[in-house]
Amino acid sequence: MSFGLYAIGFAIVIGGLIYAAYLVHMPAHWIAAGAIVLVGLGILKGVKATRQEDSVA
């Protein structure tokens, strides 16, 4: 799976969580903090999931 596809899927999940938090009237600063943390986790997981093994010659 490519990193771009993984990132798009994770962005959709983050968008859904942000919308749900908005609907339950969470304060905006907590929504922003949560989104920043989720973006960081998404990048870390995406790189780990799509990383290719080093070729040992």
C-alpha atoms as a PDB file:
ATOM      1  CA  MET A   1       0.000   0.000   0.000  1.00  0.00           C
ATOM      2  CA  SER A   2       1.384   3.408  -0.909  1.00  0.00           C
ATOM      3  CA  PHE A   3       1.917   6.122   1.658  1.00  0.00           C
ATOM      4  CA  GLY A   4      -0.371   8.502  -0.240  1.00  0.00           C
ATOM      5  CA  LEU A   5      -3.296   6.104  -0.092  1.00  0.00           C
ATOM      6  CA  TYR A   6      -2.650   5.472   3.598  1.00  0.00           C
ATOM      7  CA  ALA A   7      -2.490   9.218   4.267  1.00  0.00           C
ATOM      8  CA  ILE A   8      -5.767   9.878   2.439  1.00  0.00           C
ATOM      9  CA  GLY A   9      -7.545   7.178   4.436  1.00  0.00           C
ATOM     10  CA  PHE A  10      -6.168   8.471   7.703  1.00  0.00           C
ATOM     11  CA  ALA A  11      -7.163  12.035   6.778  1.00  0.00           C
ATOM     12  CA  ILE A  12     -10.738  10.853   6.209  1.00  0.00           C
ATOM     13  CA  VAL A  13     -10.758   9.197   9.638  1.00  0.00           C
ATOM     14  CA  ILE A  14      -9.378  12.352  11.275  1.00  0.00           C
ATOM     15  CA  GLY A  15     -11.973  14.460   9.475  1.00  0.00           C
ATOM     16  CA  GLY A  16     -14.767  12.232  10.776  1.00  0.00           C
ATOM     17  CA  LEU A  17     -13.454  12.439  14.326  1.00  0.00           C
ATOM     18  CA  ILE A  18     -13.153  16.222  14.117  1.00  0.00           C
ATOM     19  CA  TYR A  19     -16.736  16.480  12.860  1.00  0.00           C
ATOM     20  CA  ALA A  20     -17.995  14.206  15.649  1.00  0.00           C
ATOM     21  CA  ALA A  21     -16.136  16.275  18.248  1.00  0.00           C
ATOM     22  CA  TYR A  22     -17.682  19.428  16.800  1.00  0.00           C
ATOM     23  CA  LEU A  23     -21.170  17.897  16.999  1.00  0.00           C
ATOM     24  CA  VAL A  24     -20.765  17.120  20.711  1.00  0.00           C
ATOM     25  CA  HIS A  25     -19.627  20.738  21.278  1.00  0.00           C
ATOM     26  CA  MET A  26     -16.060  20.049  22.306  1.00  0.00           C
ATOM     27  CA  PRO A  27     -13.939  23.184  22.708  1.00  0.00           C
ATOM     28  CA  ALA A  28     -12.085  24.104  19.519  1.00  0.00           C
ATOM     29  CA  HIS A  29      -8.654  24.083  21.175  1.00  0.00           C
ATOM     30  CA  TRP A  30      -9.121  20.433  22.218  1.00  0.00           C
ATOM     31  CA  ILE A  31     -10.260  19.497  18.724  1.00  0.00           C
ATOM     32  CA  ALA A  32      -7.153  21.148  17.255  1.00  0.00           C
ATOM     33  CA  ALA A  33      -4.849  19.467  19.783  1.00  0.00           C
ATOM     34  CA  GLY A  34      -6.398  16.071  19.086  1.00  0.00           C
ATOM     35  CA  ALA A  35      -6.115  16.577  15.335  1.00  0.00           C
ATOM     36  CA  ILE A  36      -2.419  17.474  15.626  1.00  0.00           C
ATOM     37  CA  VAL A  37      -1.720  14.365  17.694  1.00  0.00           C
ATOM     38  CA  LEU A  38      -3.647  12.165  15.238  1.00  0.00           C
ATOM     39  CA  VAL A  39      -1.779  13.624  12.252  1.00  0.00           C
ATOM     40  CA  GLY A  40       1.534  12.813  13.954  1.00  0.00           C
ATOM     41  CA  LEU A  41       0.410   9.268  14.733  1.00  0.00           C
ATOM     42  CA  GLY A  42      -0.845   8.856  11.185  1.00  0.00           C
ATOM     43  CA  ILE A  43       2.508   9.866   9.731  1.00  0.00           C
ATOM     44  CA  LEU A  44       4.388   7.519  12.047  1.00  0.00           C
ATOM     45  CA  LYS A  45       2.071   4.583  11.299  1.00  0.00           C
ATOM     46  CA  GLY A  46       2.047   5.347   7.561  1.00  0.00           C
ATOM     47  CA  VAL A  47       5.814   5.389   7.296  1.00  0.00           C
ATOM     48  CA  LYS A  48       6.078   2.176   9.294  1.00  0.00           C
ATOM     49  CA  ALA A  49       3.374   0.411   7.258  1.00  0.00           C
ATOM     50  CA  THR A  50       4.740   1.433   3.851  1.00  0.00           C
ATOM     51  CA  ARG A  51       8.466   1.238   4.571  1.00  0.00           C
ATOM     52  CA  GLN A  52      10.373  -1.142   2.344  1.00  0.00           C
ATOM     53  CA  GLU A  53      12.945  -3.484   3.791  1.00  0.00           C
ATOM     54  CA  ASP A  54      16.565  -2.507   3.275  1.00  0.00           C
ATOM     55  CA  SER A  55      18.214  -4.663   0.655  1.00  0.00           C
ATOM     56  CA  VAL A  56      21.265  -6.420   2.004  1.00  0.00           C
ATOM     57  CA  ALA A  57      23.732  -7.137  -0.745  1.00  0.00           C
END
